[in-house]
Amino acid sequence: MSHRPDVSQAAPEAPNLDFEGTTPYEDYVQADVLTHLQHPRSDDPGEMVFLVTTQVMELWFTVIVHEWETASRALAADDLPTALAALKRSTYELQSLNASWEPIAHLTPAQFNAYRAALGEGSGFQSAMYRRMEFLLGEKSASMLVPHRGAPRVHDELQKALHEPSLYDEVLRLLARRGHDIPQRDDLSQRYEADPAVERAWQAVYSGDQESELVRLGEALTEVAELVWRWRNDHLVATRRAMGAKTGTGGSAGVSWLEKRAAKNVFPELWTARSHV
C-alpha cells in the first residue's frame, strides 16, 4: 500500500513572514504612523473615539478632494467618462464619510462634556482639507483662509484653491462649450450664487435625451449634492444631541450656524430646474 501524501490535501504555502526591515505593508500604508497619531488630552476613554473618528474624517476629506480635482481636470479636458468615474467613486466615499458620524452621533451632553475641554478652541470649521472640499463645491470665502495664516503651506494651498475654478465652475464651462447660454463668472474667488440662466440650461438638459452624457453628469452631481446635504444634516443632529444650543467650539454659533449650512443646497440649479421639466 502506498503511503505517499495526498498533494491535493496539502496545507497551503505559508506567507513570507521574514523581512529584513519593516514589512512591505507598513512601507506602503504607513500604519505605524497612523496608529500613533492619537494623543488624547483627557482621561476620558470616549475622547479616543472622538479623536480617531475625526482623523478618519480628515482622511475621507483628502480622498474626496482628490476625486473632485480629478473630475475638474477631466471636465476641463472634455473627458466626461473620467469625470463621471471620479464623481461616482466620490459618492461611495461620501457615504463612508457620512457613516463616520455613527461613533459620536449619539453622545449625551454629559459624555461630550467629559472631554470637550480638551478641544480648547479647536473646531471642525478650521479643517483645511474640509475647506478645500467646500471651495470645490463653490462655497468660497476669503475670510476662511484667516485661521491658516500660521501654516504657510496650508494657507498657500487654500489661496490657490480659492482662485481656481470650482468643480461646478468646470461643469458650467462644459455646458457653455456644449452650446448652452451660461454667464461667465469673472471672479472665481467669490461664493457661487444661483443664476436663472444656469437653471434654464439644466432644464434644457433634463428635457432632452435621457441617455445623454449631460443628463448622466447632472445626476452624478445631484448624488454628490444630496450626500453633502446629508453630511451637513448629520453634523447638525450630532451637535444638537451633544451640546444643544451652546456656543460651538472655536467660538462658532454652534447649532444655529449648522442649521444655516444644512438649509443650503450645493449645485442649486440642479434642484430648482426639476420644477420646470
Protein backbone atom coordinates (compact mmCIF):
# COMPACT_ATOMS: atom_id res chain seq x y z
CA MET A 1 0.00 0.00 0.00
CA SER A 2 1.31 3.44 -0.94
CA HIS A 3 1.91 5.97 1.83
CA ARG A 4 2.57 8.91 -0.47
CA PRO A 5 0.88 12.12 0.84
CA ASP A 6 -2.22 13.37 -0.92
CA VAL A 7 -0.93 16.53 -2.63
CA SER A 8 -4.48 17.86 -3.03
CA GLN A 9 -4.85 17.89 0.79
CA ALA A 10 -1.51 19.58 1.48
CA ALA A 11 -1.58 22.76 3.53
CA PRO A 12 -1.36 25.96 1.53
CA GLU A 13 2.06 27.56 1.33
CA ALA A 14 2.62 29.86 4.33
CA PRO A 15 3.09 33.57 3.61
CA ASN A 16 6.53 35.09 3.89
CA LEU A 17 6.99 36.27 7.47
CA ASP A 18 10.65 37.20 7.44
CA PHE A 19 11.66 40.69 6.26
CA GLU A 20 14.94 42.50 6.71
CA GLY A 21 13.26 45.73 7.68
CA THR A 22 9.66 46.84 8.03
CA THR A 23 7.01 44.89 6.15
CA PRO A 24 6.02 45.93 2.61
CA TYR A 25 2.52 46.59 4.00
CA GLU A 26 3.92 49.04 6.55
CA ASP A 27 6.09 50.71 3.93
CA TYR A 28 3.03 51.31 1.73
CA VAL A 29 0.29 52.09 4.28
CA GLN A 30 2.42 53.74 6.99
CA ALA A 31 0.14 52.11 9.56
CA ASP A 32 2.61 52.66 12.39
CA VAL A 33 2.48 56.41 11.73
CA LEU A 34 -1.32 56.45 11.50
CA THR A 35 -1.90 54.46 14.67
CA HIS A 36 0.43 56.63 16.76
CA LEU A 37 -1.07 60.00 15.83
CA GLN A 38 -3.58 59.88 18.69
CA HIS A 39 -2.70 61.94 21.75
CA PRO A 40 -5.78 62.34 23.98
CA ARG A 41 -5.72 65.28 26.37
CA SER A 42 -8.11 63.93 28.97
CA ASP A 43 -8.55 60.71 30.92
CA ASP A 44 -11.99 60.05 29.47
CA PRO A 45 -11.98 56.92 27.26
CA GLY A 46 -14.54 58.50 24.93
CA GLU A 47 -12.03 61.09 23.78
CA MET A 48 -10.06 58.42 21.90
CA VAL A 49 -13.19 57.56 19.93
CA PHE A 50 -13.83 61.21 19.12
CA LEU A 51 -10.19 61.81 18.13
CA VAL A 52 -9.86 58.78 15.84
CA THR A 53 -13.25 59.43 14.23
CA THR A 54 -12.22 62.99 13.47
CA GLN A 55 -8.93 61.81 11.98
CA VAL A 56 -10.78 59.29 9.82
CA MET A 57 -12.99 62.12 8.55
CA GLU A 58 -9.87 64.08 7.58
CA LEU A 59 -8.67 61.12 5.50
CA TRP A 60 -12.04 60.91 3.75
CA PHE A 61 -11.89 64.68 3.06
CA THR A 62 -8.50 64.10 1.45
CA VAL A 63 -9.62 61.37 -0.91
CA ILE A 64 -12.84 63.23 -1.85
CA VAL A 65 -10.83 66.34 -2.70
CA HIS A 66 -8.63 64.11 -4.87
CA GLU A 67 -11.69 62.74 -6.70
CA TRP A 68 -13.26 66.16 -7.29
CA GLU A 69 -9.99 67.64 -8.52
CA THR A 70 -9.64 64.65 -10.86
CA ALA A 71 -13.19 65.28 -12.11
CA SER A 72 -12.50 69.00 -12.55
CA ARG A 73 -9.41 68.37 -14.68
CA ALA A 74 -11.28 65.81 -16.76
CA LEU A 75 -14.19 68.19 -17.34
CA ALA A 76 -11.78 70.91 -18.46
CA ALA A 77 -10.40 68.42 -20.99
CA ASP A 78 -13.90 67.35 -22.16
CA ASP A 79 -13.21 63.87 -20.81
CA LEU A 80 -16.62 63.04 -19.36
CA PRO A 81 -16.00 59.29 -18.78
CA THR A 82 -13.08 60.05 -16.46
CA ALA A 83 -15.04 62.82 -14.71
CA LEU A 84 -18.10 60.60 -14.22
CA ALA A 85 -15.97 57.76 -12.85
CA ALA A 86 -14.35 60.08 -10.29
CA LEU A 87 -17.71 61.53 -9.26
CA LYS A 88 -19.15 58.03 -8.87
CA ARG A 89 -16.24 56.95 -6.67
CA SER A 90 -16.72 60.07 -4.57
CA THR A 91 -20.32 59.09 -3.82
CA TYR A 92 -19.13 55.85 -2.20
CA GLU A 93 -16.53 57.83 -0.27
CA LEU A 94 -19.13 60.37 0.83
CA GLN A 95 -21.30 57.53 2.11
CA SER A 96 -18.34 56.27 4.15
CA LEU A 97 -17.60 59.80 5.37
CA ASN A 98 -21.20 60.22 6.48
CA ALA A 99 -21.11 56.87 8.26
CA SER A 100 -18.16 58.18 10.27
CA TRP A 101 -20.63 60.14 12.38
CA GLU A 102 -22.01 56.95 13.92
CA PRO A 103 -19.43 56.51 16.72
CA ILE A 104 -20.10 60.04 18.04
CA ALA A 105 -23.63 60.75 16.81
CA HIS A 106 -25.34 59.53 19.99
CA LEU A 107 -23.31 61.30 22.65
CA THR A 108 -25.22 62.67 25.60
CA PRO A 109 -24.25 66.16 26.78
CA ALA A 110 -22.50 64.68 29.83
CA GLN A 111 -20.48 62.28 27.69
CA PHE A 112 -19.36 65.07 25.36
CA ASN A 113 -18.61 67.43 28.25
CA ALA A 114 -16.31 64.79 29.76
CA TYR A 115 -13.63 65.69 27.22
CA ARG A 116 -14.91 68.79 25.46
CA ALA A 117 -12.41 71.00 27.29
CA ALA A 118 -9.61 69.03 25.60
CA LEU A 119 -10.64 70.57 22.26
CA GLY A 120 -9.88 74.07 23.54
CA GLU A 121 -10.62 76.45 20.66
CA GLY A 122 -10.41 73.63 18.13
CA SER A 123 -13.35 73.28 15.75
CA GLY A 124 -14.12 71.35 12.59
CA PHE A 125 -14.58 74.55 10.60
CA GLN A 126 -10.80 75.04 11.00
CA SER A 127 -10.12 71.93 8.90
CA ALA A 128 -8.09 72.98 5.85
CA MET A 129 -8.99 69.86 3.85
CA TYR A 130 -12.68 70.31 4.55
CA ARG A 131 -12.30 73.92 3.41
CA ARG A 132 -10.83 72.68 0.13
CA MET A 133 -13.89 70.43 -0.24
CA GLU A 134 -16.17 73.41 0.29
CA PHE A 135 -14.22 75.52 -2.22
CA LEU A 136 -14.58 72.77 -4.83
CA LEU A 137 -18.34 72.86 -4.23
CA GLY A 138 -18.36 76.62 -4.92
CA GLU A 139 -18.70 77.58 -1.24
CA LYS A 140 -15.83 80.08 -1.29
CA SER A 141 -14.88 82.80 1.17
CA ALA A 142 -11.53 84.52 1.52
CA SER A 143 -12.17 85.00 5.24
CA MET A 144 -11.90 81.25 5.76
CA LEU A 145 -8.16 81.48 4.97
CA VAL A 146 -7.55 83.62 8.07
CA PRO A 147 -7.32 80.72 10.58
CA HIS A 148 -4.49 79.20 8.49
CA ARG A 149 -2.14 82.19 8.33
CA GLY A 150 0.19 80.47 10.80
CA ALA A 151 0.66 77.47 8.47
CA PRO A 152 2.21 78.84 5.23
CA ARG A 153 1.94 75.66 3.16
CA VAL A 154 -1.71 75.10 4.08
CA HIS A 155 -2.51 78.78 3.55
CA ASP A 156 -0.88 78.77 0.10
CA GLU A 157 -2.82 75.66 -0.94
CA LEU A 158 -6.11 77.24 0.16
CA GLN A 159 -5.21 80.54 -1.52
CA LYS A 160 -4.61 78.66 -4.77
CA ALA A 161 -7.87 76.71 -4.42
CA LEU A 162 -9.79 79.93 -3.70
CA HIS A 163 -8.88 81.40 -7.09
CA GLU A 164 -9.11 78.22 -9.14
CA PRO A 165 -12.35 77.11 -10.84
CA SER A 166 -14.54 75.00 -8.56
CA LEU A 167 -15.89 71.65 -9.68
CA TYR A 168 -19.17 73.38 -10.58
CA ASP A 169 -17.34 76.13 -12.47
CA GLU A 170 -15.82 73.45 -14.71
CA VAL A 171 -19.26 71.88 -15.15
CA LEU A 172 -20.72 75.21 -16.26
CA ARG A 173 -17.82 75.81 -18.64
CA LEU A 174 -18.56 72.42 -20.18
CA LEU A 175 -22.25 73.32 -20.57
CA ALA A 176 -21.20 76.54 -22.31
CA ARG A 177 -18.96 74.61 -24.72
CA ARG A 178 -21.92 72.32 -25.43
CA GLY A 179 -23.96 75.31 -26.63
CA HIS A 180 -25.82 76.43 -23.51
CA ASP A 181 -26.07 80.10 -22.61
CA ILE A 182 -24.02 80.26 -19.43
CA PRO A 183 -22.93 83.62 -17.97
CA GLN A 184 -19.19 83.96 -17.45
CA ARG A 185 -18.00 84.24 -13.86
CA ASP A 186 -15.25 86.85 -13.65
CA ASP A 187 -14.23 86.41 -10.01
CA LEU A 188 -13.87 82.74 -9.17
CA SER A 189 -12.89 83.53 -5.57
CA GLN A 190 -16.48 84.51 -4.75
CA ARG A 191 -19.15 82.14 -3.43
CA TYR A 192 -21.26 80.71 -6.23
CA GLU A 193 -24.77 82.15 -6.40
CA ALA A 194 -27.65 80.57 -8.33
CA ASP A 195 -28.32 82.00 -11.78
CA PRO A 196 -31.60 81.77 -13.79
CA ALA A 197 -29.63 81.16 -17.00
CA VAL A 198 -27.94 78.13 -15.47
CA GLU A 199 -31.33 76.86 -14.29
CA ARG A 200 -32.63 77.15 -17.87
CA ALA A 201 -29.59 75.25 -19.15
CA TRP A 202 -30.23 72.33 -16.77
CA GLN A 203 -33.93 72.46 -17.66
CA ALA A 204 -32.98 72.03 -21.32
CA VAL A 205 -30.58 69.19 -20.49
CA TYR A 206 -33.18 67.29 -18.46
CA SER A 207 -35.89 67.88 -21.06
CA GLY A 208 -33.76 66.24 -23.75
CA ASP A 209 -32.24 62.81 -24.35
CA GLN A 210 -32.31 60.98 -21.02
CA GLU A 211 -29.31 58.85 -22.06
CA SER A 212 -27.11 61.84 -22.85
CA GLU A 213 -23.77 62.44 -21.16
CA LEU A 214 -25.03 65.72 -19.72
CA VAL A 215 -28.00 64.07 -18.00
CA ARG A 216 -25.64 61.48 -16.54
CA LEU A 217 -23.37 64.29 -15.40
CA GLY A 218 -26.30 66.12 -13.83
CA GLU A 219 -27.37 63.00 -11.97
CA ALA A 220 -23.84 62.30 -10.73
CA LEU A 221 -23.63 65.86 -9.40
CA THR A 222 -27.07 65.57 -7.83
CA GLU A 223 -25.98 62.43 -6.00
CA VAL A 224 -22.92 64.28 -4.71
CA ALA A 225 -25.06 67.25 -3.64
CA GLU A 226 -27.52 65.02 -1.79
CA LEU A 227 -24.75 63.28 0.12
CA VAL A 228 -23.18 66.64 1.04
CA TRP A 229 -26.60 67.73 2.33
CA ARG A 230 -26.82 64.53 4.38
CA TRP A 231 -23.32 65.17 5.79
CA ARG A 232 -24.36 68.64 6.92
CA ASN A 233 -27.58 67.36 8.47
CA ASP A 234 -25.82 64.51 10.26
CA HIS A 235 -23.34 67.06 11.63
CA LEU A 236 -26.22 69.24 12.77
CA VAL A 237 -28.06 66.40 14.53
CA ALA A 238 -24.91 65.06 16.22
CA THR A 239 -24.08 68.55 17.50
CA ARG A 240 -27.63 69.18 18.67
CA ARG A 241 -27.65 65.92 20.64
CA ALA A 242 -24.26 66.52 22.23
CA MET A 243 -24.46 70.20 23.15
CA GLY A 244 -27.88 71.63 22.38
CA ALA A 245 -27.79 75.36 21.58
CA LYS A 246 -24.48 76.09 23.33
CA THR A 247 -21.81 78.16 21.59
CA GLY A 248 -19.69 75.89 19.45
CA THR A 249 -16.01 75.16 19.98
CA GLY A 250 -13.83 77.80 18.36
CA GLY A 251 -16.44 80.45 19.07
CA SER A 252 -18.86 79.44 16.30
CA ALA A 253 -22.60 79.83 16.76
CA GLY A 254 -22.92 76.06 17.05
CA VAL A 255 -26.29 74.63 16.08
CA SER A 256 -27.68 77.86 14.60
CA TRP A 257 -24.70 78.12 12.24
CA LEU A 258 -25.02 74.48 11.23
CA GLU A 259 -28.75 74.95 10.58
CA LYS A 260 -27.98 77.67 8.05
CA ARG A 261 -25.41 75.43 6.36
CA ALA A 262 -27.80 72.48 6.23
CA ALA A 263 -30.51 74.62 4.61
CA LYS A 264 -28.34 75.34 1.56
CA ASN A 265 -28.04 73.07 -1.46
CA VAL A 266 -24.86 72.87 -3.49
CA PHE A 267 -25.27 72.97 -7.30
CA PRO A 268 -28.56 74.80 -6.64
CA GLU A 269 -29.94 74.96 -10.20
CA LEU A 270 -29.82 71.17 -10.49
CA TRP A 271 -32.57 71.16 -7.87
CA THR A 272 -34.67 74.10 -8.98
CA ALA A 273 -34.62 73.12 -12.68
CA ARG A 274 -36.56 69.97 -11.87
CA SER A 275 -39.66 72.05 -11.18
CA HIS A 276 -39.71 73.12 -14.83
CA VAL A 277 -39.10 69.84 -16.63
